[in-house]
């Protein structure tokens, strides 16, 4: 689907040093199992940089990370609207996020070409999903 790195070292460094971004990692016995990033906007929080180690997928770690990020967004950052973008071809992830309360919006964005996020091998665009949290 995408050729090349999805993020460059310099981009990660800039994100980690941004006041509006936090990266949470799940580590057990010094083994990195996954991560999830939260970016804060004025109205919404955005989830991204979400990954679980391939050998650890389908073990519940993704749900733990997602639940933690949502709770943190609601309780600490005081935001109740969460958005995320998803490659249109990742239908299995769309189903996963919908099971966790995310809804597909009518917003569609072009894949960010030329921004050192990897180059698509097929035509791609980004779907925008949203979840409104009423309580945790």
N, C-alpha and C. Protein backbone atom coordinates (compact mmCIF):
# COMPACT_ATOMS: atom_id res chain seq x y z
N UNK A 1 0.81 -1.20 0.00
CA UNK A 1 0.00 0.00 0.00
C UNK A 1 0.85 1.27 0.00
N UNK A 2 1.82 1.32 0.94
CA UNK A 2 2.67 2.50 1.07
C UNK A 2 4.12 2.05 1.10
N UNK A 3 4.92 2.71 0.30
CA UNK A 3 6.35 2.40 0.23
C UNK A 3 7.12 3.44 1.03
N UNK A 4 8.03 2.97 1.88
CA UNK A 4 8.85 3.90 2.66
C UNK A 4 8.35 4.03 4.09
N UNK A 5 9.08 4.80 4.86
CA UNK A 5 8.75 5.00 6.26
C UNK A 5 7.51 5.87 6.40
N UNK A 6 6.68 5.53 7.38
CA UNK A 6 5.46 6.32 7.64
C UNK A 6 5.76 7.56 8.46
N UNK A 7 6.91 7.60 9.10
CA UNK A 7 7.33 8.78 9.85
C UNK A 7 8.85 8.83 9.84
N UNK A 8 9.38 10.01 9.78
CA UNK A 8 10.82 10.22 9.80
C UNK A 8 11.26 10.54 11.22
N UNK A 9 12.52 10.27 11.52
CA UNK A 9 13.04 10.53 12.87
C UNK A 9 12.85 11.99 13.27
N UNK A 10 13.11 12.91 12.36
CA UNK A 10 12.95 14.34 12.67
C UNK A 10 11.49 14.69 12.95
N UNK A 11 10.56 14.09 12.20
CA UNK A 11 9.14 14.34 12.43
C UNK A 11 8.73 13.84 13.81
N UNK A 12 9.21 12.66 14.19
CA UNK A 12 8.90 12.12 15.51
C UNK A 12 9.48 13.00 16.60
N UNK A 13 10.70 13.45 16.42
CA UNK A 13 11.34 14.35 17.39
C UNK A 13 10.51 15.62 17.58
N UNK A 14 10.05 16.20 16.47
CA UNK A 14 9.23 17.42 16.55
C UNK A 14 7.91 17.16 17.26
N UNK A 15 7.28 16.03 16.95
CA UNK A 15 6.03 15.67 17.63
C UNK A 15 6.24 15.53 19.13
N UNK A 16 7.27 14.78 19.51
CA UNK A 16 7.52 14.53 20.93
C UNK A 16 7.86 15.79 21.70
N UNK A 17 8.33 16.80 21.01
CA UNK A 17 8.67 18.07 21.65
C UNK A 17 7.57 19.12 21.50
N UNK A 18 6.44 18.73 20.96
CA UNK A 18 5.31 19.64 20.80
C UNK A 18 4.46 19.64 22.07
N UNK A 19 4.04 20.81 22.49
CA UNK A 19 3.20 20.92 23.69
C UNK A 19 1.82 20.31 23.47
N UNK A 20 1.42 20.15 22.21
CA UNK A 20 0.07 19.67 21.89
C UNK A 20 0.03 18.18 21.55
N UNK A 21 1.11 17.45 21.84
CA UNK A 21 1.16 16.03 21.49
C UNK A 21 1.73 15.23 22.65
N UNK A 22 1.12 14.08 22.88
CA UNK A 22 1.66 13.14 23.87
C UNK A 22 1.64 11.74 23.26
N UNK A 23 2.71 11.00 23.50
CA UNK A 23 2.80 9.62 23.04
C UNK A 23 2.83 8.72 24.25
N UNK A 24 1.92 7.76 24.28
CA UNK A 24 1.83 6.80 25.37
C UNK A 24 2.29 5.44 24.85
N UNK A 25 3.07 4.74 25.65
CA UNK A 25 3.56 3.43 25.25
C UNK A 25 3.09 2.38 26.25
N UNK A 26 2.87 1.19 25.75
CA UNK A 26 2.53 0.04 26.59
C UNK A 26 3.74 -0.87 26.59
N UNK A 27 4.30 -1.05 27.77
CA UNK A 27 5.51 -1.84 27.92
C UNK A 27 5.30 -2.80 29.09
N UNK A 28 5.64 -4.06 28.88
CA UNK A 28 5.56 -5.06 29.94
C UNK A 28 6.89 -5.79 29.99
N UNK A 29 7.50 -5.80 31.18
CA UNK A 29 8.79 -6.46 31.39
C UNK A 29 9.81 -6.03 30.33
N UNK A 30 9.93 -4.72 30.15
CA UNK A 30 10.88 -4.11 29.21
C UNK A 30 10.62 -4.49 27.75
N UNK A 31 9.43 -4.95 27.45
CA UNK A 31 9.08 -5.28 26.07
C UNK A 31 8.03 -4.28 25.59
N UNK A 32 8.37 -3.54 24.53
CA UNK A 32 7.46 -2.57 23.96
C UNK A 32 6.37 -3.30 23.18
N UNK A 33 5.12 -3.12 23.61
CA UNK A 33 4.01 -3.82 22.98
C UNK A 33 3.21 -2.94 22.03
N UNK A 34 3.19 -1.63 22.30
CA UNK A 34 2.41 -0.76 21.44
C UNK A 34 2.52 0.68 21.87
N UNK A 35 1.93 1.55 21.06
CA UNK A 35 1.92 2.98 21.37
C UNK A 35 0.68 3.62 20.78
N UNK A 36 0.35 4.80 21.31
CA UNK A 36 -0.76 5.59 20.78
C UNK A 36 -0.44 7.06 21.06
N UNK A 37 -0.68 7.89 20.07
CA UNK A 37 -0.41 9.31 20.20
C UNK A 37 -1.69 10.11 20.27
N UNK A 38 -1.65 11.20 21.02
CA UNK A 38 -2.80 12.10 21.15
C UNK A 38 -2.34 13.51 20.81
N UNK A 39 -3.02 14.13 19.85
CA UNK A 39 -2.78 15.53 19.50
C UNK A 39 -3.99 16.33 19.95
N UNK A 40 -3.72 17.47 20.57
CA UNK A 40 -4.80 18.30 21.08
C UNK A 40 -5.07 19.48 20.17
N UNK A 41 -6.31 19.59 19.73
CA UNK A 41 -6.75 20.76 18.98
C UNK A 41 -7.61 21.61 19.89
N UNK A 42 -8.10 22.73 19.37
CA UNK A 42 -8.93 23.60 20.20
C UNK A 42 -10.26 22.95 20.55
N UNK A 43 -10.86 22.26 19.59
CA UNK A 43 -12.17 21.66 19.81
C UNK A 43 -12.12 20.15 20.04
N UNK A 44 -11.17 19.48 19.40
CA UNK A 44 -11.13 18.02 19.44
C UNK A 44 -9.72 17.54 19.76
N UNK A 45 -9.66 16.28 20.14
CA UNK A 45 -8.38 15.59 20.27
C UNK A 45 -8.30 14.61 19.11
N UNK A 46 -7.09 14.35 18.66
CA UNK A 46 -6.91 13.42 17.56
C UNK A 46 -5.99 12.28 18.00
N UNK A 47 -6.41 11.08 17.68
CA UNK A 47 -5.60 9.89 17.97
C UNK A 47 -4.86 9.50 16.70
N UNK A 48 -3.58 9.19 16.86
CA UNK A 48 -2.76 8.73 15.75
C UNK A 48 -1.56 7.99 16.30
N UNK A 49 -0.63 7.68 15.45
CA UNK A 49 0.58 6.96 15.88
C UNK A 49 0.20 5.75 16.73
N UNK A 50 -0.84 5.05 16.31
CA UNK A 50 -1.39 3.93 17.06
C UNK A 50 -0.88 2.64 16.43
N UNK A 51 -0.16 1.86 17.21
CA UNK A 51 0.39 0.61 16.69
C UNK A 51 0.55 -0.39 17.82
N UNK A 52 0.38 -1.66 17.48
CA UNK A 52 0.65 -2.77 18.39
C UNK A 52 1.63 -3.69 17.65
N UNK A 53 2.64 -4.16 18.37
CA UNK A 53 3.63 -5.06 17.77
C UNK A 53 2.92 -6.22 17.08
N UNK A 54 3.32 -6.56 15.86
CA UNK A 54 2.62 -7.61 15.11
C UNK A 54 2.43 -8.91 15.89
N UNK A 55 3.42 -9.35 16.64
CA UNK A 55 3.31 -10.60 17.40
C UNK A 55 2.33 -10.49 18.55
N UNK A 56 1.95 -9.27 18.92
CA UNK A 56 1.08 -9.05 20.07
C UNK A 56 -0.34 -8.65 19.68
N UNK A 57 -0.62 -8.58 18.38
CA UNK A 57 -1.95 -8.18 17.95
C UNK A 57 -2.97 -9.26 18.31
N UNK A 58 -4.20 -8.85 18.48
CA UNK A 58 -5.30 -9.73 18.90
C UNK A 58 -5.09 -10.27 20.31
N UNK A 59 -4.37 -9.52 21.13
CA UNK A 59 -4.14 -9.90 22.53
C UNK A 59 -4.81 -8.94 23.50
N UNK A 60 -5.55 -7.97 22.97
CA UNK A 60 -6.23 -6.99 23.82
C UNK A 60 -5.42 -5.74 24.12
N UNK A 61 -4.17 -5.70 23.64
CA UNK A 61 -3.33 -4.54 23.94
C UNK A 61 -3.81 -3.28 23.21
N UNK A 62 -4.31 -3.45 22.00
CA UNK A 62 -4.84 -2.30 21.27
C UNK A 62 -6.02 -1.68 22.00
N UNK A 63 -6.91 -2.52 22.50
CA UNK A 63 -8.06 -2.02 23.26
C UNK A 63 -7.59 -1.30 24.52
N UNK A 64 -6.60 -1.86 25.21
CA UNK A 64 -6.07 -1.20 26.41
C UNK A 64 -5.51 0.18 26.08
N UNK A 65 -4.75 0.28 25.00
CA UNK A 65 -4.18 1.56 24.60
C UNK A 65 -5.27 2.55 24.22
N UNK A 66 -6.23 2.10 23.43
CA UNK A 66 -7.32 2.98 22.99
C UNK A 66 -8.15 3.45 24.18
N UNK A 67 -8.49 2.53 25.09
CA UNK A 67 -9.25 2.91 26.29
C UNK A 67 -8.48 3.91 27.14
N UNK A 68 -7.18 3.69 27.29
CA UNK A 68 -6.36 4.61 28.08
C UNK A 68 -6.35 5.99 27.45
N UNK A 69 -6.11 6.04 26.14
CA UNK A 69 -6.06 7.34 25.45
C UNK A 69 -7.39 8.07 25.56
N UNK A 70 -8.49 7.37 25.38
CA UNK A 70 -9.81 8.00 25.48
C UNK A 70 -10.05 8.53 26.89
N UNK A 71 -9.73 7.75 27.90
CA UNK A 71 -9.90 8.21 29.28
C UNK A 71 -9.04 9.43 29.57
N UNK A 72 -7.81 9.40 29.10
CA UNK A 72 -6.89 10.52 29.31
C UNK A 72 -7.41 11.78 28.63
N UNK A 73 -7.89 11.63 27.41
CA UNK A 73 -8.44 12.77 26.67
C UNK A 73 -9.62 13.37 27.42
N UNK A 74 -10.50 12.52 27.91
CA UNK A 74 -11.72 13.00 28.58
C UNK A 74 -11.43 13.56 29.96
N UNK A 75 -10.66 12.83 30.77
CA UNK A 75 -10.46 13.22 32.17
C UNK A 75 -9.37 14.26 32.37
N UNK A 76 -8.29 14.18 31.64
CA UNK A 76 -7.16 15.09 31.83
C UNK A 76 -7.24 16.29 30.89
N UNK A 77 -7.49 16.03 29.62
CA UNK A 77 -7.51 17.11 28.64
C UNK A 77 -8.87 17.79 28.52
N UNK A 78 -9.90 17.17 29.14
CA UNK A 78 -11.25 17.75 29.15
C UNK A 78 -11.84 17.94 27.75
N UNK A 79 -11.55 17.00 26.87
CA UNK A 79 -12.13 16.99 25.52
C UNK A 79 -13.07 15.81 25.44
N UNK A 80 -14.18 15.98 24.72
CA UNK A 80 -15.08 14.85 24.57
C UNK A 80 -15.30 14.44 23.11
N UNK A 81 -14.60 15.09 22.20
CA UNK A 81 -14.67 14.71 20.79
C UNK A 81 -13.28 14.25 20.35
N UNK A 82 -13.24 13.02 19.82
CA UNK A 82 -11.98 12.44 19.37
C UNK A 82 -12.12 12.12 17.89
N UNK A 83 -11.10 12.48 17.13
CA UNK A 83 -11.07 12.16 15.71
C UNK A 83 -9.82 11.35 15.40
N UNK A 84 -9.88 10.64 14.30
CA UNK A 84 -8.71 9.94 13.78
C UNK A 84 -8.88 9.81 12.28
N UNK A 85 -7.76 9.68 11.59
CA UNK A 85 -7.81 9.45 10.15
C UNK A 85 -7.35 8.02 9.87
N UNK A 86 -7.88 7.47 8.80
CA UNK A 86 -7.67 6.06 8.49
C UNK A 86 -7.56 5.91 6.98
N UNK A 87 -6.60 5.14 6.52
CA UNK A 87 -6.50 4.87 5.09
C UNK A 87 -7.76 4.17 4.60
N UNK A 88 -8.29 4.62 3.49
CA UNK A 88 -9.55 4.08 2.98
C UNK A 88 -9.51 2.59 2.70
N UNK A 89 -8.35 2.03 2.43
CA UNK A 89 -8.26 0.60 2.11
C UNK A 89 -8.17 -0.29 3.35
N UNK A 90 -8.06 0.29 4.52
CA UNK A 90 -7.93 -0.50 5.76
C UNK A 90 -9.31 -0.80 6.35
N UNK A 91 -10.10 -1.56 5.61
CA UNK A 91 -11.48 -1.84 6.02
C UNK A 91 -11.54 -2.61 7.33
N UNK A 92 -10.54 -3.47 7.60
CA UNK A 92 -10.55 -4.22 8.85
C UNK A 92 -10.37 -3.28 10.05
N UNK A 93 -9.61 -2.20 9.87
CA UNK A 93 -9.45 -1.22 10.95
C UNK A 93 -10.71 -0.38 11.11
N UNK A 94 -11.37 -0.08 10.00
CA UNK A 94 -12.64 0.66 10.09
C UNK A 94 -13.63 -0.12 10.93
N UNK A 95 -13.75 -1.42 10.69
CA UNK A 95 -14.65 -2.28 11.47
C UNK A 95 -14.23 -2.28 12.94
N UNK A 96 -12.94 -2.38 13.21
CA UNK A 96 -12.42 -2.37 14.59
C UNK A 96 -12.83 -1.08 15.31
N UNK A 97 -12.56 0.06 14.68
CA UNK A 97 -12.87 1.34 15.32
C UNK A 97 -14.38 1.53 15.48
N UNK A 98 -15.15 1.08 14.52
CA UNK A 98 -16.61 1.19 14.66
C UNK A 98 -17.11 0.35 15.83
N UNK A 99 -16.51 -0.81 16.05
CA UNK A 99 -16.87 -1.63 17.22
C UNK A 99 -16.58 -0.89 18.52
N UNK A 100 -15.62 0.03 18.48
CA UNK A 100 -15.24 0.79 19.67
C UNK A 100 -15.89 2.17 19.71
N UNK A 101 -16.96 2.36 18.93
CA UNK A 101 -17.76 3.56 19.03
C UNK A 101 -17.42 4.70 18.09
N UNK A 102 -16.45 4.50 17.20
CA UNK A 102 -16.09 5.55 16.24
C UNK A 102 -17.03 5.49 15.05
N UNK A 103 -17.40 6.66 14.56
CA UNK A 103 -18.30 6.74 13.43
C UNK A 103 -17.61 7.41 12.26
N UNK A 104 -17.89 6.90 11.10
CA UNK A 104 -17.35 7.47 9.88
C UNK A 104 -18.03 8.81 9.63
N UNK A 105 -17.25 9.85 9.41
CA UNK A 105 -17.81 11.16 9.10
C UNK A 105 -17.89 11.30 7.58
N UNK A 106 -18.43 12.40 7.13
CA UNK A 106 -18.49 12.66 5.69
C UNK A 106 -17.19 13.27 5.17
N UNK A 107 -16.25 13.55 6.08
CA UNK A 107 -14.99 14.18 5.68
C UNK A 107 -14.05 13.14 5.08
N UNK A 108 -13.44 13.52 3.98
CA UNK A 108 -12.42 12.71 3.33
C UNK A 108 -11.27 13.65 3.00
N UNK A 109 -10.05 13.21 3.27
CA UNK A 109 -8.87 14.03 2.98
C UNK A 109 -7.96 13.29 2.01
N UNK A 110 -7.25 14.05 1.21
CA UNK A 110 -6.27 13.47 0.30
C UNK A 110 -5.11 12.90 1.11
N UNK A 111 -4.50 11.84 0.60
CA UNK A 111 -3.30 11.32 1.25
C UNK A 111 -2.21 12.38 1.12
N UNK A 112 -1.50 12.67 2.21
CA UNK A 112 -0.50 13.76 2.19
C UNK A 112 0.77 13.38 1.41
N UNK A 113 0.73 13.58 0.12
CA UNK A 113 1.87 13.27 -0.73
C UNK A 113 3.01 14.26 -0.50
N UNK A 114 4.23 13.78 -0.64
CA UNK A 114 5.39 14.65 -0.57
C UNK A 114 5.73 15.17 0.81
N UNK A 115 5.20 14.55 1.85
CA UNK A 115 5.47 15.01 3.21
C UNK A 115 6.29 14.00 4.00
N UNK A 116 6.98 13.13 3.28
CA UNK A 116 7.85 12.13 3.89
C UNK A 116 7.08 11.19 4.82
N UNK A 117 5.87 10.81 4.39
CA UNK A 117 5.05 9.87 5.14
C UNK A 117 4.89 8.56 4.38
N UNK A 118 5.83 8.30 3.49
CA UNK A 118 5.72 7.15 2.62
C UNK A 118 4.92 7.52 1.38
N UNK A 119 5.20 6.82 0.30
CA UNK A 119 4.51 7.10 -0.96
C UNK A 119 3.57 5.95 -1.27
N UNK A 120 2.31 6.26 -1.55
CA UNK A 120 1.34 5.20 -1.82
C UNK A 120 1.64 4.48 -3.14
N UNK A 121 1.44 3.19 -3.12
CA UNK A 121 1.62 2.37 -4.31
C UNK A 121 0.31 2.25 -5.08
N UNK A 122 -0.78 2.60 -4.43
CA UNK A 122 -2.11 2.62 -5.05
C UNK A 122 -2.78 3.92 -4.64
N UNK A 123 -3.81 4.35 -5.36
CA UNK A 123 -4.50 5.59 -4.95
C UNK A 123 -5.11 5.43 -3.55
N UNK A 124 -4.81 6.39 -2.69
CA UNK A 124 -5.30 6.34 -1.31
C UNK A 124 -5.89 7.69 -0.91
N UNK A 125 -6.80 7.64 0.03
CA UNK A 125 -7.26 8.85 0.70
C UNK A 125 -7.54 8.49 2.16
N UNK A 126 -7.78 9.50 2.96
CA UNK A 126 -7.99 9.32 4.39
C UNK A 126 -9.46 9.51 4.74
N UNK A 127 -9.99 8.56 5.47
CA UNK A 127 -11.33 8.67 6.04
C UNK A 127 -11.18 9.28 7.42
N UNK A 128 -12.12 10.12 7.82
CA UNK A 128 -12.09 10.73 9.14
C UNK A 128 -13.17 10.09 10.00
N UNK A 129 -12.75 9.54 11.13
CA UNK A 129 -13.67 8.93 12.08
C UNK A 129 -13.76 9.82 13.31
N UNK A 130 -14.89 9.72 14.00
CA UNK A 130 -15.10 10.57 15.17
C UNK A 130 -15.87 9.79 16.24
N UNK A 131 -15.54 10.11 17.48
CA UNK A 131 -16.25 9.53 18.62
C UNK A 131 -16.51 10.64 19.62
N UNK A 132 -17.72 10.67 20.13
CA UNK A 132 -18.08 11.63 21.18
C UNK A 132 -18.19 10.86 22.48
N UNK A 133 -17.43 11.30 23.47
CA UNK A 133 -17.42 10.64 24.78
C UNK A 133 -18.31 11.43 25.73
N UNK A 134 -19.26 10.76 26.32
CA UNK A 134 -20.18 11.41 27.26
C UNK A 134 -19.71 11.21 28.70
N UNK A 135 -19.09 10.06 28.95
CA UNK A 135 -18.54 9.77 30.28
C UNK A 135 -17.61 8.57 30.15
N UNK A 136 -16.78 8.40 31.17
CA UNK A 136 -15.86 7.25 31.19
C UNK A 136 -16.25 6.35 32.35
